[in-house]
């Protein structure tokens, strides 16, 4: 005996239309070139004589500029040309969770410190989630972003760290420039891996020999199916042309991230020159290109 069950009083087709849940869109990936810092003149407030400010222009993160204090410290940069910088990156520092930074800019060196044309205000070097609590991480990269559209020749980066864990500040690498963010993001399937310098071998006596040789470098494989024609020719192609395989840059897969920013943000090197393939597709302005980038980090 079958029962009769009501199915509702609304006629078929009268239900509300399905609305898919809205996903939080990731911010477009970010590239920061080393071109401007490589050509800049840098003066530091203080330095240990054996660890000078010139190390900030060396891509090797173990070469560090070390200050003699952790308060009232600064870097003064004279760029090769006026640039509308909006992003700085600091790699391989000993910043505690309390570290802060302020960016000043002017086209008049005399007023750079006293009356700058641009002042970012003090801000944390870490994302909103704070400094990552990851043991033995070889090198964090801090991204400092600020709103600016005017070109300035003279820049001043002030740093302070009231944290009790250190009595001085040291920094391995500094970059500052106008960041490049392609209008279309990396595909949804980027690859994250590690390249280890360790040695492993099987001996003739059936034993495995291992030799730990330091930290593993991250390796990112970034497929990009849609690169705007202008983005490719004026920015991404130019970045690769300048950097080659010997000059570094800073990359962040999602610069708005907080929890995992440390994992997908790094001082990077191109492992090889990427090929750009023209696609039979166009956006509202120009043709699209396809490429895949492979990035690793120096340690």
Protein backbone atom coordinates (compact mmCIF):
# COMPACT_ATOMS: atom_id res chain seq x y z
CA UNK A 1 0.00 0.00 0.00
CA UNK A 2 1.59 3.26 -1.07
CA UNK A 3 1.04 6.44 0.85
CA UNK A 4 0.37 9.82 -0.71
CA UNK A 5 2.85 12.56 0.19
CA UNK A 6 2.46 16.25 -0.61
CA UNK A 7 5.09 17.75 -2.92
CA UNK A 8 4.22 21.41 -2.37
CA UNK A 9 1.67 23.81 -3.70
CA UNK A 10 3.96 25.64 -6.16
CA UNK A 11 3.62 24.70 -9.84
CA UNK A 12 6.59 23.07 -11.56
CA UNK A 13 9.18 25.65 -12.64
CA UNK A 14 8.18 28.25 -10.06
CA UNK A 15 11.10 27.63 -7.67
CA UNK A 16 13.73 30.34 -7.39
CA UNK A 17 16.63 30.11 -9.80
CA UNK A 18 19.74 28.39 -8.48
CA UNK A 19 22.46 30.79 -7.38
CA UNK A 20 25.92 29.30 -7.09
CA UNK A 21 27.89 30.24 -3.96
CA UNK A 22 30.26 33.10 -4.63
CA UNK A 23 33.91 32.16 -4.29
CA UNK A 24 36.46 34.59 -2.94
CA UNK A 25 38.58 35.55 -5.93
CA UNK A 26 42.33 35.40 -5.47
CA UNK A 27 44.30 38.52 -6.22
CA UNK A 28 46.32 38.42 -9.40
CA UNK A 29 49.91 37.23 -9.05
CA UNK A 30 52.62 39.84 -8.56
CA UNK A 31 56.08 40.29 -10.07
CA UNK A 32 58.62 42.81 -8.72
CA UNK A 33 61.72 43.47 -10.83
CA UNK A 34 65.22 44.06 -9.49
CA UNK A 35 66.07 46.47 -12.33
CA UNK A 36 65.64 49.69 -10.33
CA UNK A 37 67.44 48.59 -7.16
CA UNK A 38 70.33 47.19 -9.20
CA UNK A 39 70.97 50.66 -10.65
CA UNK A 40 70.30 52.62 -7.45
CA UNK A 41 72.73 54.23 -5.03
CA UNK A 42 72.10 53.11 -1.45
CA UNK A 43 73.14 54.77 1.79
CA UNK A 44 72.34 53.21 5.14
CA UNK A 45 71.93 54.87 8.53
CA UNK A 46 74.41 52.43 10.12
CA UNK A 47 76.22 49.26 9.15
CA UNK A 48 78.63 46.69 10.44
CA UNK A 49 81.76 47.22 8.36
CA UNK A 50 81.93 43.60 7.23
CA UNK A 51 78.20 43.54 6.35
CA UNK A 52 77.65 46.70 4.25
CA UNK A 53 74.57 48.08 2.48
CA UNK A 54 76.01 46.97 -0.88
CA UNK A 55 74.95 43.42 0.04
CA UNK A 56 71.34 44.53 -0.49
CA UNK A 57 72.10 44.61 -4.23
CA UNK A 58 73.48 41.05 -4.21
CA UNK A 59 70.96 38.32 -4.95
CA UNK A 60 72.61 35.93 -2.48
CA UNK A 61 70.35 36.15 0.59
CA UNK A 62 73.08 34.97 2.97
CA UNK A 63 74.96 38.23 2.30
CA UNK A 64 73.22 40.57 4.73
CA UNK A 65 73.31 44.26 5.55
CA UNK A 66 73.53 44.40 9.34
CA UNK A 67 72.66 47.54 11.28
CA UNK A 68 74.12 48.40 14.67
CA UNK A 69 70.70 49.18 16.12
CA UNK A 70 67.04 48.33 15.63
CA UNK A 71 65.44 51.77 16.11
CA UNK A 72 65.64 54.97 14.03
CA UNK A 73 67.24 53.11 11.12
CA UNK A 74 66.79 53.79 7.42
CA UNK A 75 67.95 53.25 3.87
CA UNK A 76 68.23 56.17 1.47
CA UNK A 77 67.88 55.24 -2.20
CA UNK A 78 68.76 57.37 -5.19
CA UNK A 79 67.20 55.71 -8.22
CA UNK A 80 68.64 55.91 -11.72
CA UNK A 81 65.46 57.69 -12.81
CA UNK A 82 62.19 58.78 -11.16
CA UNK A 83 59.90 55.76 -10.75
CA UNK A 84 56.31 55.46 -9.51
CA UNK A 85 57.16 52.72 -7.03
CA UNK A 86 54.26 51.06 -5.22
CA UNK A 87 55.88 47.94 -3.79
CA UNK A 88 59.00 47.02 -1.85
CA UNK A 89 60.22 43.57 -0.84
CA UNK A 90 62.60 42.56 1.93
CA UNK A 91 64.10 39.08 1.87
CA UNK A 92 66.09 37.07 4.41
CA UNK A 93 65.72 39.45 7.34
CA UNK A 94 65.73 38.72 11.06
CA UNK A 95 62.54 40.72 11.63
CA UNK A 96 60.49 39.74 14.64
CA UNK A 97 56.71 39.79 14.63
CA UNK A 98 56.84 43.43 15.84
CA UNK A 99 58.86 44.85 12.92
CA UNK A 100 57.47 47.91 11.12
CA UNK A 101 58.49 49.93 8.07
CA UNK A 102 57.73 53.33 6.55
CA UNK A 103 58.38 54.45 2.97
CA UNK A 104 59.11 58.10 2.08
CA UNK A 105 59.74 59.62 -1.34
CA UNK A 106 60.61 62.98 -2.90
CA UNK A 107 62.18 64.56 -5.94
CA UNK A 108 64.12 66.89 -3.64
CA UNK A 109 66.78 65.14 -1.59
CA UNK A 110 66.89 67.99 0.92
CA UNK A 111 63.26 67.45 1.95
CA UNK A 112 63.18 63.66 1.75
CA UNK A 113 63.28 63.10 5.51
CA UNK A 114 61.71 66.36 6.78
CA UNK A 115 58.91 67.04 4.28
CA UNK A 116 58.56 64.15 1.81
CA UNK A 117 56.14 64.32 -1.10
CA UNK A 118 55.03 60.78 -0.26
CA UNK A 119 54.70 59.13 3.15
CA UNK A 120 53.25 55.63 3.47
CA UNK A 121 52.95 55.80 7.25
CA UNK A 122 54.19 53.04 9.55
CA UNK A 123 52.99 49.53 8.72
CA UNK A 124 53.87 45.98 9.67
CA UNK A 125 56.24 44.07 7.43
CA UNK A 126 54.03 40.98 7.89
CA UNK A 127 50.53 40.20 6.57
CA UNK A 128 47.44 40.48 8.77
CA UNK A 129 47.96 36.95 10.07
CA UNK A 130 51.35 37.96 11.48
CA UNK A 131 54.77 36.38 11.14
CA UNK A 132 54.53 32.70 10.14
CA UNK A 133 55.37 30.30 12.95
CA UNK A 134 57.26 27.82 10.76
CA UNK A 135 60.40 26.27 12.19
CA UNK A 136 63.66 26.44 10.22
CA UNK A 137 62.16 28.26 7.22
CA UNK A 138 65.26 29.32 5.26
CA UNK A 139 64.15 32.73 4.02
CA UNK A 140 60.93 34.76 4.40
CA UNK A 141 60.08 37.46 1.86
CA UNK A 142 58.12 40.44 3.17
CA UNK A 143 56.07 42.43 0.64
CA UNK A 144 55.37 46.08 1.53
CA UNK A 145 52.70 47.60 -0.69
CA UNK A 146 51.60 51.23 -0.71
CA UNK A 147 49.36 53.42 -2.86
CA UNK A 148 51.40 55.69 -5.10
CA UNK A 149 51.18 56.76 -8.75
CA UNK A 150 53.79 59.55 -8.84
CA UNK A 151 57.39 59.07 -9.97
CA UNK A 152 60.12 60.00 -7.49
CA UNK A 153 63.89 59.77 -7.69
CA UNK A 154 64.73 59.71 -3.98
CA UNK A 155 63.31 57.12 -1.60
CA UNK A 156 63.81 56.45 2.10
CA UNK A 157 62.84 53.19 3.80
CA UNK A 158 62.70 53.47 7.58
CA UNK A 159 62.69 50.31 9.70
CA UNK A 160 62.22 49.60 13.38
CA UNK A 161 61.83 46.43 15.37
CA UNK A 162 60.79 46.73 19.04
CA UNK A 163 60.69 42.94 19.44
CA UNK A 164 62.74 41.56 22.32
CA UNK A 165 64.13 38.65 20.28
CA UNK A 166 66.87 40.71 18.63
CA UNK A 167 69.14 43.69 19.32
CA UNK A 168 69.88 44.57 15.69
CA UNK A 169 68.33 44.36 12.22
CA UNK A 170 69.76 42.55 9.22
CA UNK A 171 68.39 42.24 5.68
CA UNK A 172 69.58 40.00 2.85
CA UNK A 173 67.94 41.56 -0.23
CA UNK A 174 65.85 44.63 -1.00
CA UNK A 175 63.73 45.36 -4.08
CA UNK A 176 61.59 48.40 -4.84
CA UNK A 177 59.70 49.23 -8.04
CA UNK A 178 56.26 49.45 -9.56
CA UNK A 179 54.87 45.93 -9.29
CA UNK A 180 53.55 44.14 -12.37
CA UNK A 181 50.29 42.21 -12.01
CA UNK A 182 49.01 40.64 -15.25
CA UNK A 183 45.33 41.30 -15.85
CA UNK A 184 44.66 37.53 -15.93
CA UNK A 185 45.91 35.29 -13.15
CA UNK A 186 47.89 32.06 -13.19
CA UNK A 187 45.83 28.99 -14.12
CA UNK A 188 44.14 27.02 -11.35
CA UNK A 189 46.78 24.26 -11.41
CA UNK A 190 50.15 25.81 -10.42
CA UNK A 191 52.78 23.36 -9.22
CA UNK A 192 54.70 23.71 -5.93
CA UNK A 193 57.74 21.54 -5.30
CA UNK A 194 61.23 21.49 -3.81
CA UNK A 195 64.70 21.10 -5.28
CA UNK A 196 67.03 19.56 -2.70
CA UNK A 197 70.84 19.88 -2.81
CA UNK A 198 71.22 16.70 -0.73
CA UNK A 199 73.18 13.73 -2.10
CA UNK A 200 71.86 10.17 -2.05
CA UNK A 201 73.65 7.12 -3.45
CA UNK A 202 73.55 3.36 -3.19
CA UNK A 203 76.92 1.86 -2.23
CA UNK A 204 78.35 -1.40 -3.72
CA UNK A 205 77.73 -2.97 -0.32
CA UNK A 206 73.95 -2.48 -0.49
CA UNK A 207 73.85 0.51 1.81
CA UNK A 208 72.26 3.88 1.12
CA UNK A 209 74.59 6.83 1.54
CA UNK A 210 73.12 10.28 2.23
CA UNK A 211 74.74 13.68 2.69
CA UNK A 212 72.56 16.59 3.90
CA UNK A 213 73.72 19.73 2.08
CA UNK A 214 71.37 22.46 3.21
CA UNK A 215 67.88 23.76 2.66
CA UNK A 216 65.77 22.80 -0.31
CA UNK A 217 64.73 25.54 -2.74
CA UNK A 218 61.09 25.98 -3.62
CA UNK A 219 60.17 25.40 -7.26
CA UNK A 220 57.00 26.86 -8.76
CA UNK A 221 55.56 25.88 -12.14
CA UNK A 222 53.09 28.52 -13.28
CA UNK A 223 50.92 27.79 -16.33
CA UNK A 224 49.27 30.94 -17.71
CA UNK A 225 46.78 30.36 -20.54
CA UNK A 226 45.82 34.00 -21.09
CA UNK A 227 48.49 36.70 -21.16
CA UNK A 228 47.31 39.99 -22.65
CA UNK A 229 49.39 41.15 -25.61
CA UNK A 230 50.48 44.36 -23.85
CA UNK A 231 51.23 42.55 -20.59
CA UNK A 232 53.38 40.06 -22.45
CA UNK A 233 55.41 42.45 -24.60
CA UNK A 234 55.90 45.36 -22.21
CA UNK A 235 56.13 43.61 -18.85
CA UNK A 236 56.51 39.84 -18.62
CA UNK A 237 58.77 39.46 -21.68
CA UNK A 238 60.82 42.46 -20.53
CA UNK A 239 61.16 41.01 -17.02
CA UNK A 240 62.58 37.80 -18.47
CA UNK A 241 64.82 39.70 -20.86
CA UNK A 242 66.35 41.67 -17.99
CA UNK A 243 66.58 38.86 -15.44
CA UNK A 244 67.65 36.00 -17.69
CA UNK A 245 68.77 33.21 -15.36
CA UNK A 246 71.23 35.26 -13.31
CA UNK A 247 69.17 38.19 -11.97
CA UNK A 248 66.43 37.82 -9.39
CA UNK A 249 62.94 39.19 -8.86
CA UNK A 250 60.21 38.76 -6.25
CA UNK A 251 57.10 36.74 -7.03
CA UNK A 252 53.85 36.24 -5.13
CA UNK A 253 51.14 33.90 -6.35
CA UNK A 254 48.47 35.67 -4.29
CA UNK A 255 49.75 38.86 -2.63
CA UNK A 256 46.47 39.38 -0.76
CA UNK A 257 46.86 36.09 1.09
CA UNK A 258 47.64 36.10 4.78
CA UNK A 259 47.92 32.57 6.16
CA UNK A 260 50.02 31.04 3.36
CA UNK A 261 51.71 34.13 1.97
CA UNK A 262 55.14 32.81 3.04
CA UNK A 263 54.63 29.62 1.00
CA UNK A 264 53.83 31.24 -2.37
CA UNK A 265 55.95 34.40 -2.06
CA UNK A 266 59.66 34.21 -2.74
CA UNK A 267 62.78 35.76 -4.16
CA UNK A 268 62.85 34.03 -7.51
CA UNK A 269 65.01 33.10 -10.48
CA UNK A 270 63.78 31.95 -13.88
CA UNK A 271 65.11 28.45 -14.50
CA UNK A 272 64.85 28.94 -18.26
CA UNK A 273 63.42 31.34 -20.80
CA UNK A 274 59.72 30.74 -21.34
CA UNK A 275 58.12 30.48 -24.76
CA UNK A 276 55.08 32.64 -25.52
CA UNK A 277 52.54 31.08 -27.87
CA UNK A 278 50.00 33.29 -29.64
CA UNK A 279 46.44 32.04 -29.16
CA UNK A 280 43.42 32.48 -31.47
CA UNK A 281 41.74 34.35 -28.62
CA UNK A 282 41.32 38.01 -27.81
CA UNK A 283 40.21 39.98 -24.77
CA UNK A 284 38.63 43.42 -25.12
CA UNK A 285 41.95 45.01 -26.12
CA UNK A 286 44.29 42.59 -27.85
CA UNK A 287 45.31 39.05 -28.66
CA UNK A 288 46.11 36.58 -25.87
CA UNK A 289 49.25 34.50 -25.39
CA UNK A 290 49.99 31.29 -23.50
CA UNK A 291 53.11 30.41 -21.50
CA UNK A 292 54.40 28.45 -18.53
CA UNK A 293 56.96 29.86 -16.11
CA UNK A 294 59.27 27.85 -13.86
CA UNK A 295 60.68 29.73 -10.88
CA UNK A 296 63.10 28.64 -8.19
CA UNK A 297 64.70 30.52 -5.28
CA UNK A 298 68.34 31.21 -4.42
CA UNK A 299 69.44 30.12 -0.94
